[in-house]
Amino acid sequence: LAAGVAAVLLVGVLIGPTMRETGTFPTGIPVSGTEVKGPGLHDPAAVERDVYRLAAADGFGRADFQLSAFKVRSCGTADLAAVPEWAGGMLVQTRLLMGTTLADDPATLELLEDLDLVLAQIVGLSRDHCARDMAWIRSGLENRSTIDRLRRMSGPGGLI
């Protein structure tokens, strides 16, 4: 799922500027031979912003869930088996979002940077020094209130 979201974001980041330059955005959505117009469909920049905000809100919600679960994991092999996969996928998505218009907002950019840091730490978690690394990661999550900020940004009144 994370890889799919990352791929969609990558395509959007790569295609968005091209479509903006050529002006090939649709003005409506064709439905059974008719065109449905709605707010924002005529404004490519607004549509792009909304897509990125929805992707970020979804990513922040999933990160909240995964990081909350990570905080209570142990260093056992079974507990850490899936960690690199989800953390790596979220790291890619976070870095893609940092290259969008979302980064224009200082609070969102700061949260993306904090999320990037903690995900990179989790991906690089040392199996030999697991307890030390996990304590360091947990401490960073608490000190920066990362999970609380993820919850605020993914919930009502946050990005959406």
C-alpha atoms as a PDB file:
ATOM      1  CA  LEU A   1       0.000   0.000   0.000  1.00  0.00           C
ATOM      2  CA  ALA A   2       2.768   2.448   0.922  1.00  0.00           C
ATOM      3  CA  ALA A   3       4.589   1.687  -2.303  1.00  0.00           C
ATOM      4  CA  GLY A   4       1.403   2.332  -4.281  1.00  0.00           C
ATOM      5  CA  VAL A   5       0.802   5.665  -2.566  1.00  0.00           C
ATOM      6  CA  ALA A   6       4.429   6.612  -3.117  1.00  0.00           C
ATOM      7  CA  ALA A   7       4.156   5.728  -6.814  1.00  0.00           C
ATOM      8  CA  VAL A   8       1.007   7.838  -7.224  1.00  0.00           C
ATOM      9  CA  LEU A   9       2.665  10.760  -5.457  1.00  0.00           C
ATOM     10  CA  LEU A  10       5.768  10.413  -7.621  1.00  0.00           C
ATOM     11  CA  VAL A  11       3.689  10.433 -10.795  1.00  0.00           C
ATOM     12  CA  GLY A  12       1.820  13.506  -9.534  1.00  0.00           C
ATOM     13  CA  VAL A  13       5.047  15.310  -8.692  1.00  0.00           C
ATOM     14  CA  LEU A  14       6.509  14.502 -12.100  1.00  0.00           C
ATOM     15  CA  ILE A  15       3.388  15.174 -14.196  1.00  0.00           C
ATOM     16  CA  GLY A  16       2.026  18.174 -12.276  1.00  0.00           C
ATOM     17  CA  PRO A  17       4.505  20.778 -13.553  1.00  0.00           C
ATOM     18  CA  THR A  18       4.160  19.516 -17.140  1.00  0.00           C
ATOM     19  CA  MET A  19       0.378  19.731 -17.051  1.00  0.00           C
ATOM     20  CA  ARG A  20       0.542  23.174 -15.446  1.00  0.00           C
ATOM     21  CA  GLU A  21       2.790  24.400 -18.291  1.00  0.00           C
ATOM     22  CA  THR A  22       0.656  22.934 -21.077  1.00  0.00           C
ATOM     23  CA  GLY A  23      -2.691  23.769 -19.487  1.00  0.00           C
ATOM     24  CA  THR A  24      -4.085  20.285 -20.138  1.00  0.00           C
ATOM     25  CA  PHE A  25      -6.012  19.951 -16.890  1.00  0.00           C
ATOM     26  CA  PRO A  26      -9.658  18.947 -17.324  1.00  0.00           C
ATOM     27  CA  THR A  27     -12.354  21.444 -16.365  1.00  0.00           C
ATOM     28  CA  GLY A  28     -14.762  18.766 -15.258  1.00  0.00           C
ATOM     29  CA  ILE A  29     -15.263  15.051 -14.822  1.00  0.00           C
ATOM     30  CA  PRO A  30     -17.102  13.284 -17.666  1.00  0.00           C
ATOM     31  CA  VAL A  31     -19.889  11.049 -16.398  1.00  0.00           C
ATOM     32  CA  SER A  32     -21.930   9.074 -18.951  1.00  0.00           C
ATOM     33  CA  GLY A  33     -21.451  11.627 -21.702  1.00  0.00           C
ATOM     34  CA  THR A  34     -22.041  14.665 -19.471  1.00  0.00           C
ATOM     35  CA  GLU A  35     -19.562  16.849 -17.704  1.00  0.00           C
ATOM     36  CA  VAL A  36     -19.892  17.387 -13.973  1.00  0.00           C
ATOM     37  CA  LYS A  37     -18.411  20.631 -12.744  1.00  0.00           C
ATOM     38  CA  GLY A  38     -17.617  21.299  -9.135  1.00  0.00           C
ATOM     39  CA  PRO A  39     -15.661  23.627  -6.901  1.00  0.00           C
ATOM     40  CA  GLY A  40     -11.965  23.508  -7.559  1.00  0.00           C
ATOM     41  CA  LEU A  41     -12.191  21.420 -10.731  1.00  0.00           C
ATOM     42  CA  HIS A  42     -11.370  24.470 -12.833  1.00  0.00           C
ATOM     43  CA  ASP A  43      -8.355  25.403 -10.713  1.00  0.00           C
ATOM     44  CA  PRO A  44      -5.455  22.975 -11.263  1.00  0.00           C
ATOM     45  CA  ALA A  45      -3.428  24.419  -8.376  1.00  0.00           C
ATOM     46  CA  ALA A  46      -6.336  23.905  -5.946  1.00  0.00           C
ATOM     47  CA  VAL A  47      -6.845  20.325  -7.140  1.00  0.00           C
ATOM     48  CA  GLU A  48      -3.116  19.624  -6.766  1.00  0.00           C
ATOM     49  CA  ARG A  49      -3.079  21.118  -3.243  1.00  0.00           C
ATOM     50  CA  ASP A  50      -6.106  19.060  -2.209  1.00  0.00           C
ATOM     51  CA  VAL A  51      -4.587  15.824  -3.529  1.00  0.00           C
ATOM     52  CA  TYR A  52      -1.373  16.435  -1.608  1.00  0.00           C
ATOM     53  CA  ARG A  53      -3.281  17.381   1.554  1.00  0.00           C
ATOM     54  CA  LEU A  54      -5.352  14.191   1.373  1.00  0.00           C
ATOM     55  CA  ALA A  55      -2.244  12.078   0.751  1.00  0.00           C
ATOM     56  CA  ALA A  56      -0.459  13.749   3.678  1.00  0.00           C
ATOM     57  CA  ALA A  57      -3.432  13.374   6.033  1.00  0.00           C
ATOM     58  CA  ASP A  58      -3.646   9.671   5.148  1.00  0.00           C
ATOM     59  CA  GLY A  59       0.120   9.239   5.548  1.00  0.00           C
ATOM     60  CA  PHE A  60       0.114  11.071   8.887  1.00  0.00           C
ATOM     61  CA  GLY A  61      -2.712   8.847  10.139  1.00  0.00           C
ATOM     62  CA  ARG A  62      -0.870   5.678   9.126  1.00  0.00           C
ATOM     63  CA  ALA A  63       2.380   7.002  10.622  1.00  0.00           C
ATOM     64  CA  ASP A  64       0.559   7.721  13.898  1.00  0.00           C
ATOM     65  CA  PHE A  65      -0.688   4.127  13.975  1.00  0.00           C
ATOM     66  CA  GLN A  66       2.658   2.546  13.064  1.00  0.00           C
ATOM     67  CA  LEU A  67       4.755   4.724  15.388  1.00  0.00           C
ATOM     68  CA  SER A  68       2.360   4.152  18.297  1.00  0.00           C
ATOM     69  CA  ALA A  69       2.702   0.402  17.720  1.00  0.00           C
ATOM     70  CA  PHE A  70       6.470   0.730  17.318  1.00  0.00           C
ATOM     71  CA  LYS A  71       6.788   2.397  20.726  1.00  0.00           C
ATOM     72  CA  VAL A  72       5.569  -0.766  22.472  1.00  0.00           C
ATOM     73  CA  ARG A  73       7.574  -3.272  20.425  1.00  0.00           C
ATOM     74  CA  SER A  74      10.466  -5.212  21.824  1.00  0.00           C
ATOM     75  CA  CYS A  75      13.754  -6.070  20.164  1.00  0.00           C
ATOM     76  CA  GLY A  76      12.647  -9.612  19.387  1.00  0.00           C
ATOM     77  CA  THR A  77      12.985 -10.773  15.806  1.00  0.00           C
ATOM     78  CA  ALA A  78       9.235 -11.348  15.424  1.00  0.00           C
ATOM     79  CA  ASP A  79       8.420  -7.840  16.717  1.00  0.00           C
ATOM     80  CA  LEU A  80      10.805  -6.149  14.309  1.00  0.00           C
ATOM     81  CA  ALA A  81      10.317  -8.348  11.232  1.00  0.00           C
ATOM     82  CA  ALA A  82       8.022  -5.964   9.296  1.00  0.00           C
ATOM     83  CA  VAL A  83       9.539  -2.710  10.578  1.00  0.00           C
ATOM     84  CA  PRO A  84      11.944  -1.964   7.693  1.00  0.00           C
ATOM     85  CA  GLU A  85       9.214  -2.510   5.091  1.00  0.00           C
ATOM     86  CA  TRP A  86       6.594  -0.119   6.497  1.00  0.00           C
ATOM     87  CA  ALA A  87       9.147   2.432   7.687  1.00  0.00           C
ATOM     88  CA  GLY A  88      10.903   2.440   4.316  1.00  0.00           C
ATOM     89  CA  GLY A  89       7.639   2.905   2.423  1.00  0.00           C
ATOM     90  CA  MET A  90       6.589   5.749   4.687  1.00  0.00           C
ATOM     91  CA  LEU A  91      10.022   7.315   4.383  1.00  0.00           C
ATOM     92  CA  VAL A  92       9.671   7.428   0.588  1.00  0.00           C
ATOM     93  CA  GLN A  93       6.177   8.927   0.841  1.00  0.00           C
ATOM     94  CA  THR A  94       7.360  11.516   3.382  1.00  0.00           C
ATOM     95  CA  ARG A  95      10.252  12.590   1.174  1.00  0.00           C
ATOM     96  CA  LEU A  96       7.966  12.877  -1.834  1.00  0.00           C
ATOM     97  CA  LEU A  97       5.550  15.050   0.159  1.00  0.00           C
ATOM     98  CA  MET A  98       8.453  17.281   1.204  1.00  0.00           C
ATOM     99  CA  GLY A  99       8.852  18.176  -2.478  1.00  0.00           C
ATOM    100  CA  THR A 100       5.263  19.391  -2.867  1.00  0.00           C
ATOM    101  CA  THR A 101       3.442  22.610  -2.068  1.00  0.00           C
ATOM    102  CA  LEU A 102       2.768  21.207   1.416  1.00  0.00           C
ATOM    103  CA  ALA A 103       6.333  22.188   2.306  1.00  0.00           C
ATOM    104  CA  ASP A 104       5.340  25.852   1.911  1.00  0.00           C
ATOM    105  CA  ASP A 105       3.575  25.643   5.283  1.00  0.00           C
ATOM    106  CA  PRO A 106       6.216  25.837   8.063  1.00  0.00           C
ATOM    107  CA  ALA A 107       4.282  23.623  10.517  1.00  0.00           C
ATOM    108  CA  THR A 108       3.678  20.922   7.910  1.00  0.00           C
ATOM    109  CA  LEU A 109       7.279  21.055   6.735  1.00  0.00           C
ATOM    110  CA  GLU A 110       8.542  20.742  10.317  1.00  0.00           C
ATOM    111  CA  LEU A 111       6.339  17.685  10.888  1.00  0.00           C
ATOM    112  CA  LEU A 112       7.470  16.128   7.598  1.00  0.00           C
ATOM    113  CA  GLU A 113      11.106  16.702   8.593  1.00  0.00           C
ATOM    114  CA  ASP A 114      10.556  15.162  12.036  1.00  0.00           C
ATOM    115  CA  LEU A 115       8.773  12.199  10.478  1.00  0.00           C
ATOM    116  CA  ASP A 116      11.581  11.828   7.935  1.00  0.00           C
ATOM    117  CA  LEU A 117      14.149  11.750  10.741  1.00  0.00           C
ATOM    118  CA  VAL A 118      12.363   9.179  12.889  1.00  0.00           C
ATOM    119  CA  LEU A 119      11.591   6.924   9.916  1.00  0.00           C
ATOM    120  CA  ALA A 120      15.229   7.050   8.801  1.00  0.00           C
ATOM    121  CA  GLN A 121      16.253   6.101  12.357  1.00  0.00           C
ATOM    122  CA  ILE A 122      13.813   3.184  12.347  1.00  0.00           C
ATOM    123  CA  VAL A 123      14.990   1.952   8.932  1.00  0.00           C
ATOM    124  CA  GLY A 124      18.583   2.061  10.220  1.00  0.00           C
ATOM    125  CA  LEU A 125      17.740   0.353  13.524  1.00  0.00           C
ATOM    126  CA  SER A 126      20.705  -1.729  14.631  1.00  0.00           C
ATOM    127  CA  ARG A 127      19.892  -5.314  15.569  1.00  0.00           C
ATOM    128  CA  ASP A 128      23.080  -5.410  17.661  1.00  0.00           C
ATOM    129  CA  HIS A 129      22.157  -2.292  19.650  1.00  0.00           C
ATOM    130  CA  CYS A 130      18.392  -2.544  19.351  1.00  0.00           C
ATOM    131  CA  ALA A 131      17.455  -1.625  22.939  1.00  0.00           C
ATOM    132  CA  ARG A 132      19.652   1.471  22.877  1.00  0.00           C
ATOM    133  CA  ASP A 133      18.409   2.579  19.458  1.00  0.00           C
ATOM    134  CA  MET A 134      14.756   2.005  20.345  1.00  0.00           C
ATOM    135  CA  ALA A 135      15.118   3.992  23.563  1.00  0.00           C
ATOM    136  CA  TRP A 136      16.699   6.827  21.576  1.00  0.00           C
ATOM    137  CA  ILE A 137      13.891   6.757  18.969  1.00  0.00           C
ATOM    138  CA  ARG A 138      11.171   6.657  21.649  1.00  0.00           C
ATOM    139  CA  SER A 139      12.804   9.569  23.455  1.00  0.00           C
ATOM    140  CA  GLY A 140      12.896  11.595  20.240  1.00  0.00           C
ATOM    141  CA  LEU A 141       9.226  10.868  19.547  1.00  0.00           C
ATOM    142  CA  GLU A 142       8.306  12.088  23.027  1.00  0.00           C
ATOM    143  CA  ASN A 143      10.590  15.144  23.044  1.00  0.00           C
ATOM    144  CA  ARG A 144       9.314  16.388  19.687  1.00  0.00           C
ATOM    145  CA  SER A 145       5.661  15.352  20.349  1.00  0.00           C
ATOM    146  CA  THR A 146       5.722  13.766  16.902  1.00  0.00           C
ATOM    147  CA  ILE A 147       2.815  11.381  17.421  1.00  0.00           C
ATOM    148  CA  ASP A 148       0.594  14.096  18.922  1.00  0.00           C
ATOM    149  CA  ARG A 149       1.325  16.395  15.976  1.00  0.00           C
ATOM    150  CA  LEU A 150       0.632  13.558  13.510  1.00  0.00           C
ATOM    151  CA  ARG A 151      -2.768  13.044  15.168  1.00  0.00           C
ATOM    152  CA  ARG A 152      -3.623  16.736  14.980  1.00  0.00           C
ATOM    153  CA  MET A 153      -2.605  17.033  11.333  1.00  0.00           C
ATOM    154  CA  SER A 154      -4.408  13.858  10.208  1.00  0.00           C
ATOM    155  CA  GLY A 155      -7.641  14.563  12.059  1.00  0.00           C
ATOM    156  CA  PRO A 156     -10.449  17.046  11.529  1.00  0.00           C
ATOM    157  CA  GLY A 157      -9.141  20.586  11.365  1.00  0.00           C
ATOM    158  CA  GLY A 158      -5.655  19.400  10.465  1.00  0.00           C
ATOM    159  CA  LEU A 159      -4.838  19.225   6.765  1.00  0.00           C
ATOM    160  CA  ILE A 160      -8.387  18.313   5.729  1.00  0.00           C
END
